[in-house]
C-alpha cells in the first residue's frame, strides 16, 4: 500500500469520528502553529468545540514555570487536506484565568467589531495578500538564477510562460483549497516581482476578515511545505529595483456604500491622515523598507490620497468617485501585517474615533 492511499483514506466510510486541526498564532505574530485532535462527530459551530491548551513556553508566549496557554475555538473551515467532515479551527489564546495573552490580537479586535456603532455600519474588508515564494535552501526567489537576477520588472505582472511565471501550481492549489475550505477568496494574480504572487480575501465582514486571511495563510504554508518551497511575507524580500510586498486593505461601511457615500469616505480618509503615525506603527514590521515613495508606494512619513493613484497612501477608485459611493483602499499595510490589528484599527479610527475629543 502506498503512503498516498493511507493519506487519502475516507474516514466517513468507517466512523463518525473527525479530525479537528486547531490553529493559532505564535509569539512572533507571524508563526502559525497547529495541532490535531479527534472528535466524536462532525461539528459546524465553534461554540460546540472543546477548549484546548498548548505549551506556551515553546512558542514564546509563556514562561516555562507557568507554560499552559488555553485555546478558544473561534472559526471553523473545511479541511482541504484531510477532506470529508474534518475541519480547520482558527483559535485565539488565553491564560488559564481567561485573560487574552498579550500576543492575542483577535480579542481586542473582536471588542471593536462588537461595538454597536461598528455593527451598525457593517464594515466590509477586501485584503490583498502579497507573498514571495523562495527556493528553500538558498532563500532566493523561485525562478531566479541562484545568486543572480532575472530581467527587470515588466513582463512578470499577471504574466504567463515558463520565463515569466514561477510557482503557478502552488498558487492554483492554494486557490482551490481556499474555496474548498469556505474562505471567501476572490482572486489570484502574479505580481510585479518574479516569484511574487497575490491572493485576495473578501469582501468579508468585520472579524471574519481576519479569521479568513489567517486560515488562508495557514493553507498556503501547508501547500508550500508539500512543494518544498519557502513562503515569505517579508515586505521587501529583495533590495534594489524590485517591488515590495503589501497587504492592501480595501474598506467600506454601510454609509460609504449608500448614495452620497463619497463624502463619508473623504471624512474617513481625513481621520486616517490625522492618525497616520499610529497606523504605520501597527501596519507590519520592516514596512519602512517597502514604503519608500517608489515601486507603487507612498513615502512612509507622508500621508497622501488620490483617485486611481497607486502611489498614494490611500487610493479611491475611479468608479467610487463617479458613482459617489463605494470603498477605498489603504495601501500602507505590509504583507506581514496582522489583519485583526489592521482591520479593527481602520474601523475604530473611521467609525469610533472623534478627533474633537
Protein backbone atom coordinates (compact mmCIF):
# COMPACT_ATOMS: atom_id res chain seq x y z
CA UNK A 1 0.00 0.00 0.00
CA UNK A 2 1.32 3.41 -0.95
CA UNK A 3 1.55 6.21 1.63
CA UNK A 4 -0.84 8.26 -0.53
CA UNK A 5 -3.52 5.57 -0.11
CA UNK A 6 -3.40 6.00 3.65
CA UNK A 7 -3.40 9.78 3.40
CA UNK A 8 -6.48 9.60 1.17
CA UNK A 9 -8.47 7.29 3.43
CA UNK A 10 -12.10 8.43 3.67
CA UNK A 11 -12.87 8.16 7.38
CA UNK A 12 -16.59 8.80 6.92
CA UNK A 13 -16.95 5.36 5.28
CA UNK A 14 -15.99 3.70 8.55
CA UNK A 15 -16.55 6.03 11.51
CA UNK A 16 -18.36 9.18 12.60
CA UNK A 17 -15.15 10.49 14.22
CA UNK A 18 -13.49 13.54 12.70
CA UNK A 19 -10.12 15.28 12.99
CA UNK A 20 -10.02 18.93 14.04
CA UNK A 21 -6.81 20.89 13.35
CA UNK A 22 -6.57 23.66 15.96
CA UNK A 23 -4.65 26.65 14.52
CA UNK A 24 -3.22 29.61 16.41
CA UNK A 25 -0.62 32.39 16.04
CA UNK A 26 2.65 32.03 17.92
CA UNK A 27 4.80 34.53 19.76
CA UNK A 28 6.40 36.25 16.76
CA UNK A 29 2.98 37.30 15.49
CA UNK A 30 3.58 35.57 12.15
CA UNK A 31 4.40 31.96 13.09
CA UNK A 32 1.31 29.84 12.52
CA UNK A 33 1.08 26.82 14.82
CA UNK A 34 -1.35 23.90 14.78
CA UNK A 35 -2.10 20.52 16.28
CA UNK A 36 -4.87 17.99 15.75
CA UNK A 37 -7.36 16.15 17.94
CA UNK A 38 -10.04 13.55 17.35
CA UNK A 39 -13.68 14.47 17.97
CA UNK A 40 -16.62 12.04 18.23
CA UNK A 41 -18.56 13.53 15.31
CA UNK A 42 -18.97 16.42 12.85
CA UNK A 43 -19.06 19.98 14.25
CA UNK A 44 -20.24 23.14 12.48
CA UNK A 45 -20.33 25.68 15.34
CA UNK A 46 -17.09 26.70 17.11
CA UNK A 47 -19.07 27.02 20.38
CA UNK A 48 -19.54 23.24 20.28
CA UNK A 49 -15.79 22.63 20.21
CA UNK A 50 -13.81 21.98 23.40
CA UNK A 51 -11.18 24.45 24.53
CA UNK A 52 -7.68 23.06 24.40
CA UNK A 53 -4.20 24.04 25.61
CA UNK A 54 -0.60 24.17 24.45
CA UNK A 55 2.89 24.75 25.81
CA UNK A 56 3.33 28.50 25.55
CA UNK A 57 6.98 28.29 26.64
CA UNK A 58 7.71 26.59 23.30
CA UNK A 59 6.04 29.33 21.23
CA UNK A 60 7.46 32.37 23.05
CA UNK A 61 4.14 33.08 24.76
CA UNK A 62 4.58 31.88 28.36
CA UNK A 63 7.34 31.19 30.90
CA UNK A 64 8.42 27.58 31.49
CA UNK A 65 7.21 27.55 35.09
CA UNK A 66 3.67 28.52 34.05
CA UNK A 67 3.51 27.43 30.43
CA UNK A 68 -0.11 26.42 29.85
CA UNK A 69 -1.98 28.59 27.35
CA UNK A 70 -5.65 27.93 26.56
CA UNK A 71 -7.02 27.81 23.00
CA UNK A 72 -10.54 29.17 22.40
CA UNK A 73 -12.04 27.94 19.09
CA UNK A 74 -13.39 30.92 17.11
CA UNK A 75 -13.99 29.93 13.47
CA UNK A 76 -14.38 26.68 11.54
CA UNK A 77 -13.33 25.89 7.97
CA UNK A 78 -13.44 22.66 5.98
CA UNK A 79 -10.09 20.87 5.87
CA UNK A 80 -8.86 20.63 2.25
CA UNK A 81 -6.03 18.29 3.25
CA UNK A 82 -7.99 15.61 5.14
CA UNK A 83 -11.33 16.44 3.49
CA UNK A 84 -14.57 14.71 4.49
CA UNK A 85 -16.07 16.16 7.67
CA UNK A 86 -12.64 17.09 9.05
CA UNK A 87 -12.13 20.74 9.95
CA UNK A 88 -9.61 23.56 10.44
CA UNK A 89 -10.25 25.59 13.58
CA UNK A 90 -8.97 29.16 13.98
CA UNK A 91 -8.33 29.80 17.68
CA UNK A 92 -7.06 32.58 19.89
CA UNK A 93 -5.07 32.25 23.11
CA UNK A 94 -5.84 32.95 26.78
CA UNK A 95 -4.36 32.47 30.21
CA UNK A 96 -5.94 29.76 32.42
CA UNK A 97 -7.73 32.65 34.21
CA UNK A 98 -9.45 33.59 30.93
CA UNK A 99 -7.44 36.73 30.07
CA UNK A 100 -6.24 37.18 26.48
CA UNK A 101 -2.46 36.73 26.35
CA UNK A 102 -0.51 39.78 25.07
CA UNK A 103 0.02 38.31 21.58
CA UNK A 104 -3.72 37.60 21.17
CA UNK A 105 -4.68 40.35 18.72
CA UNK A 106 -8.07 38.82 17.92
CA UNK A 107 -9.63 39.56 21.33
CA UNK A 108 -9.23 43.38 21.19
CA UNK A 109 -10.33 43.34 17.54
CA UNK A 110 -13.48 41.43 18.49
CA UNK A 111 -14.30 44.20 21.00
CA UNK A 112 -14.10 46.83 18.25
CA UNK A 113 -16.23 44.78 15.87
CA UNK A 114 -18.87 44.07 18.52
CA UNK A 115 -19.33 47.80 19.30
CA UNK A 116 -22.91 48.71 18.32
CA UNK A 117 -21.74 51.66 16.18
CA UNK A 118 -19.41 49.37 14.22
CA UNK A 119 -22.02 46.61 13.92
CA UNK A 120 -24.48 49.14 12.52
CA UNK A 121 -22.00 50.17 9.81
CA UNK A 122 -21.38 46.54 8.62
CA UNK A 123 -17.69 47.12 7.73
CA UNK A 124 -16.53 45.22 4.65
CA UNK A 125 -12.90 44.33 4.05
CA UNK A 126 -11.07 43.05 0.99
CA UNK A 127 -7.50 42.02 1.78
CA UNK A 128 -4.89 41.75 -0.99
CA UNK A 129 -2.23 39.42 0.39
CA UNK A 130 1.08 39.57 -1.48
CA UNK A 131 3.77 36.97 -0.77
CA UNK A 132 7.03 35.67 -2.22
CA UNK A 133 7.99 32.07 -2.99
CA UNK A 134 11.63 31.25 -2.23
CA UNK A 135 13.93 28.37 -3.15
CA UNK A 136 14.17 26.74 0.26
CA UNK A 137 17.88 26.04 0.71
CA UNK A 138 19.18 29.31 -0.74
CA UNK A 139 16.45 31.79 0.33
CA UNK A 140 16.30 33.17 -3.21
CA UNK A 141 13.07 33.83 -5.14
CA UNK A 142 11.60 30.96 -7.11
CA UNK A 143 12.64 31.07 -10.76
CA UNK A 144 15.61 33.38 -10.14
CA UNK A 145 19.09 32.08 -11.04
CA UNK A 146 20.81 31.22 -7.75
CA UNK A 147 22.85 34.23 -6.68
CA UNK A 148 21.80 36.07 -9.82
CA UNK A 149 18.94 38.17 -11.12
CA UNK A 150 16.27 37.81 -13.78
CA UNK A 151 15.47 40.52 -16.33
CA UNK A 152 13.98 43.76 -14.96
CA UNK A 153 10.34 44.05 -13.89
CA UNK A 154 7.75 44.47 -16.59
CA UNK A 155 6.81 41.09 -18.09
CA UNK A 156 6.02 39.29 -14.83
CA UNK A 157 2.89 41.04 -13.54
CA UNK A 158 -0.05 38.78 -14.48
CA UNK A 159 2.44 37.13 -16.85
CA UNK A 160 2.29 33.71 -18.47
CA UNK A 161 5.07 31.48 -19.70
CA UNK A 162 7.95 29.48 -18.23
CA UNK A 163 10.27 32.51 -18.19
CA UNK A 164 7.72 34.81 -16.52
CA UNK A 165 5.56 32.84 -14.03
CA UNK A 166 7.15 30.76 -11.27
CA UNK A 167 5.13 28.63 -8.84
CA UNK A 168 1.73 28.69 -10.54
CA UNK A 169 0.85 25.15 -9.38
CA UNK A 170 1.29 26.25 -5.74
CA UNK A 171 -0.90 29.29 -6.37
CA UNK A 172 -3.68 27.34 -8.09
CA UNK A 173 -3.61 24.57 -5.46
CA UNK A 174 -3.99 27.25 -2.79
CA UNK A 175 -6.83 28.95 -4.68
CA UNK A 176 -8.88 25.76 -4.91
CA UNK A 177 -8.06 24.69 -1.36
CA UNK A 178 -9.32 28.04 -0.01
CA UNK A 179 -12.57 27.78 -1.96
CA UNK A 180 -13.00 24.22 -0.63
CA UNK A 181 -12.35 25.43 2.92
CA UNK A 182 -15.12 28.03 2.68
CA UNK A 183 -12.79 31.03 2.62
CA UNK A 184 -14.16 33.90 0.56
CA UNK A 185 -11.09 34.07 -1.68
CA UNK A 186 -11.95 36.35 -4.57
CA UNK A 187 -8.95 36.02 -6.87
CA UNK A 188 -5.23 35.48 -7.51
CA UNK A 189 -2.57 37.02 -9.75
CA UNK A 190 1.15 37.02 -10.41
CA UNK A 191 2.77 40.16 -9.02
CA UNK A 192 5.30 42.67 -10.41
CA UNK A 193 8.40 40.95 -9.00
CA UNK A 194 9.03 37.46 -10.40
CA UNK A 195 8.35 34.77 -7.80
CA UNK A 196 5.83 37.04 -6.08
CA UNK A 197 2.07 36.40 -6.09
CA UNK A 198 -1.11 37.74 -4.57
CA UNK A 199 -4.44 36.36 -3.42
CA UNK A 200 -7.44 38.37 -2.31
CA UNK A 201 -9.80 37.56 0.56
CA UNK A 202 -13.18 39.28 0.74
CA UNK A 203 -15.43 41.01 0.87
CA UNK A 204 -15.62 39.78 4.45
CA UNK A 205 -17.48 41.47 7.30
CA UNK A 206 -15.70 42.55 10.49
CA UNK A 207 -13.68 39.99 12.43
CA UNK A 208 -14.26 37.29 9.80
CA UNK A 209 -11.79 39.11 7.51
CA UNK A 210 -9.03 38.29 9.99
CA UNK A 211 -10.18 34.71 10.53
CA UNK A 212 -10.32 34.05 6.80
CA UNK A 213 -6.95 35.63 5.99
CA UNK A 214 -5.20 33.72 8.78
CA UNK A 215 -6.75 30.45 7.60
CA UNK A 216 -5.73 31.22 4.01
CA UNK A 217 -2.17 31.91 5.21
CA UNK A 218 -2.16 28.59 7.09
CA UNK A 219 -3.32 26.69 4.00
CA UNK A 220 -0.63 28.41 1.91
CA UNK A 221 2.05 27.47 4.46
CA UNK A 222 0.91 23.85 4.29
CA UNK A 223 0.94 23.77 0.48
CA UNK A 224 4.42 25.31 0.25
CA UNK A 225 5.52 22.71 2.83
CA UNK A 226 4.31 19.96 0.46
CA UNK A 227 6.02 21.65 -2.50
CA UNK A 228 9.29 22.06 -0.53
CA UNK A 229 9.25 25.79 -1.23
CA UNK A 230 9.71 28.53 1.37
CA UNK A 231 6.97 31.13 1.88
CA UNK A 232 7.95 34.71 2.73
CA UNK A 233 5.73 37.55 3.92
CA UNK A 234 8.69 39.94 4.14
CA UNK A 235 7.56 43.40 2.93
CA UNK A 236 10.77 43.93 0.94
CA UNK A 237 12.29 40.50 0.23
CA UNK A 238 14.74 41.80 -2.39
CA UNK A 239 16.57 45.10 -2.06
CA UNK A 240 17.05 47.26 -5.12
CA UNK A 241 14.77 47.98 -8.04
CA UNK A 242 12.15 45.37 -7.11
CA UNK A 243 8.62 45.79 -5.79
CA UNK A 244 7.95 45.07 -2.14
CA UNK A 245 5.04 43.04 -0.79
CA UNK A 246 1.99 44.59 0.85
CA UNK A 247 -1.45 43.66 2.07
CA UNK A 248 -3.59 46.43 0.59
CA UNK A 249 -6.79 46.72 2.62
CA UNK A 250 -10.00 47.66 0.82
CA UNK A 251 -12.66 49.01 3.14
CA UNK A 252 -16.18 50.35 3.16
CA UNK A 253 -19.00 50.93 5.62
CA UNK A 254 -22.74 50.88 5.06
CA UNK A 255 -22.74 54.70 4.92
CA UNK A 256 -19.99 54.68 2.29
CA UNK A 257 -21.87 52.18 0.12
CA UNK A 258 -25.07 54.24 0.13
CA UNK A 259 -25.84 57.25 -2.10
CA UNK A 260 -23.66 60.20 -1.13
CA UNK A 261 -21.12 57.86 0.49
CA UNK A 262 -18.17 59.61 -1.17
CA UNK A 263 -18.42 62.42 1.39
CA UNK A 264 -18.30 59.83 4.18
CA UNK A 265 -15.22 58.30 2.53
CA UNK A 266 -13.44 61.67 2.40
CA UNK A 267 -14.14 62.29 6.09
CA UNK A 268 -12.85 58.81 6.95
CA UNK A 269 -9.66 59.43 4.96
CA UNK A 270 -9.12 62.70 6.82
CA UNK A 271 -9.30 60.78 10.11
CA UNK A 272 -6.76 58.27 8.80
CA UNK A 273 -4.46 61.16 7.91
CA UNK A 274 -4.64 62.51 11.48
CA UNK A 275 -3.66 59.10 12.89
CA UNK A 276 -1.10 58.22 10.22
CA UNK A 277 1.78 57.57 12.63
CA UNK A 278 -0.29 55.29 14.87
CA UNK A 279 -1.44 53.25 11.89
CA UNK A 280 2.03 52.96 10.36
CA UNK A 281 3.37 51.69 13.71
CA UNK A 282 0.81 48.86 13.62
CA UNK A 283 0.94 48.02 9.90
CA UNK A 284 3.77 45.46 9.87
CA UNK A 285 7.46 45.08 10.72
CA UNK A 286 10.03 46.25 8.18
CA UNK A 287 7.46 48.33 6.33
CA UNK A 288 9.91 51.25 6.17
CA UNK A 289 11.94 49.18 3.67
CA UNK A 290 8.85 48.99 1.42
CA UNK A 291 7.18 52.42 1.80
CA UNK A 292 9.84 54.49 0.05
CA UNK A 293 7.74 56.51 -2.37
CA UNK A 294 8.90 54.22 -5.20
CA UNK A 295 7.53 50.97 -6.64
CA UNK A 296 3.85 51.95 -6.30
CA UNK A 297 4.13 53.09 -2.67
CA UNK A 298 3.82 56.36 -0.79
CA UNK A 299 6.62 57.58 1.46
CA UNK A 300 6.17 56.19 4.98
CA UNK A 301 6.40 59.64 6.63
CA UNK A 302 3.84 61.38 4.41
CA UNK A 303 0.11 60.68 4.19
CA UNK A 304 -1.49 61.19 0.79
CA UNK A 305 -4.61 60.11 -1.02
CA UNK A 306 -5.92 60.34 -4.55
CA UNK A 307 -8.30 58.90 -7.09
CA UNK A 308 -6.77 55.98 -9.05
CA UNK A 309 -3.34 56.87 -7.58
CA UNK A 310 -1.29 53.77 -6.73
CA UNK A 311 1.50 55.97 -5.39
CA UNK A 312 -0.72 57.32 -2.60
CA UNK A 313 -1.21 56.09 0.97
CA UNK A 314 -4.93 55.70 0.26
CA UNK A 315 -6.41 55.16 -3.18
CA UNK A 316 -10.01 55.84 -4.14
CA UNK A 317 -11.25 54.00 -7.22
CA UNK A 318 -12.39 55.94 -10.27
CA UNK A 319 -15.75 54.15 -10.10
CA UNK A 320 -16.28 55.22 -6.47
CA UNK A 321 -15.73 58.85 -7.46
CA UNK A 322 -18.11 58.56 -10.42
CA UNK A 323 -20.87 56.75 -8.51
CA UNK A 324 -20.44 58.99 -5.45
CA UNK A 325 -20.28 55.90 -3.22
CA UNK A 326 -18.23 52.76 -2.73
CA UNK A 327 -14.96 51.90 -0.97
CA UNK A 328 -11.33 52.96 -0.63
CA UNK A 329 -8.01 51.14 -0.44
CA UNK A 330 -5.46 51.62 2.34
CA UNK A 331 -2.19 50.78 0.55
CA UNK A 332 0.04 51.18 3.61
CA UNK A 333 -0.21 47.75 5.35
CA UNK A 334 2.76 45.43 4.81
CA UNK A 335 2.43 41.82 3.69
CA UNK A 336 3.25 40.67 7.24
CA UNK A 337 0.55 42.78 8.90
CA UNK A 338 -1.90 41.21 11.34
CA UNK A 339 -5.38 41.51 9.77
CA UNK A 340 -7.03 41.59 13.20
CA UNK A 341 -4.96 44.67 14.09
CA UNK A 342 -5.27 46.48 10.76
CA UNK A 343 -8.97 45.84 10.14
CA UNK A 344 -10.04 46.75 13.68
CA UNK A 345 -7.82 49.85 13.70
CA UNK A 346 -9.31 51.13 10.44
CA UNK A 347 -12.83 50.54 11.79
CA UNK A 348 -12.02 52.18 15.15
CA UNK A 349 -10.42 55.26 13.54
CA UNK A 350 -13.11 55.80 10.89
CA UNK A 351 -16.22 54.89 12.92
CA UNK A 352 -15.49 55.27 16.65
CA UNK A 353 -12.77 57.95 16.90
CA UNK A 354 -13.80 61.55 17.32
CA UNK A 355 -10.85 63.89 16.61
CA UNK A 356 -12.63 66.69 18.50
CA UNK A 357 -12.50 64.82 21.82
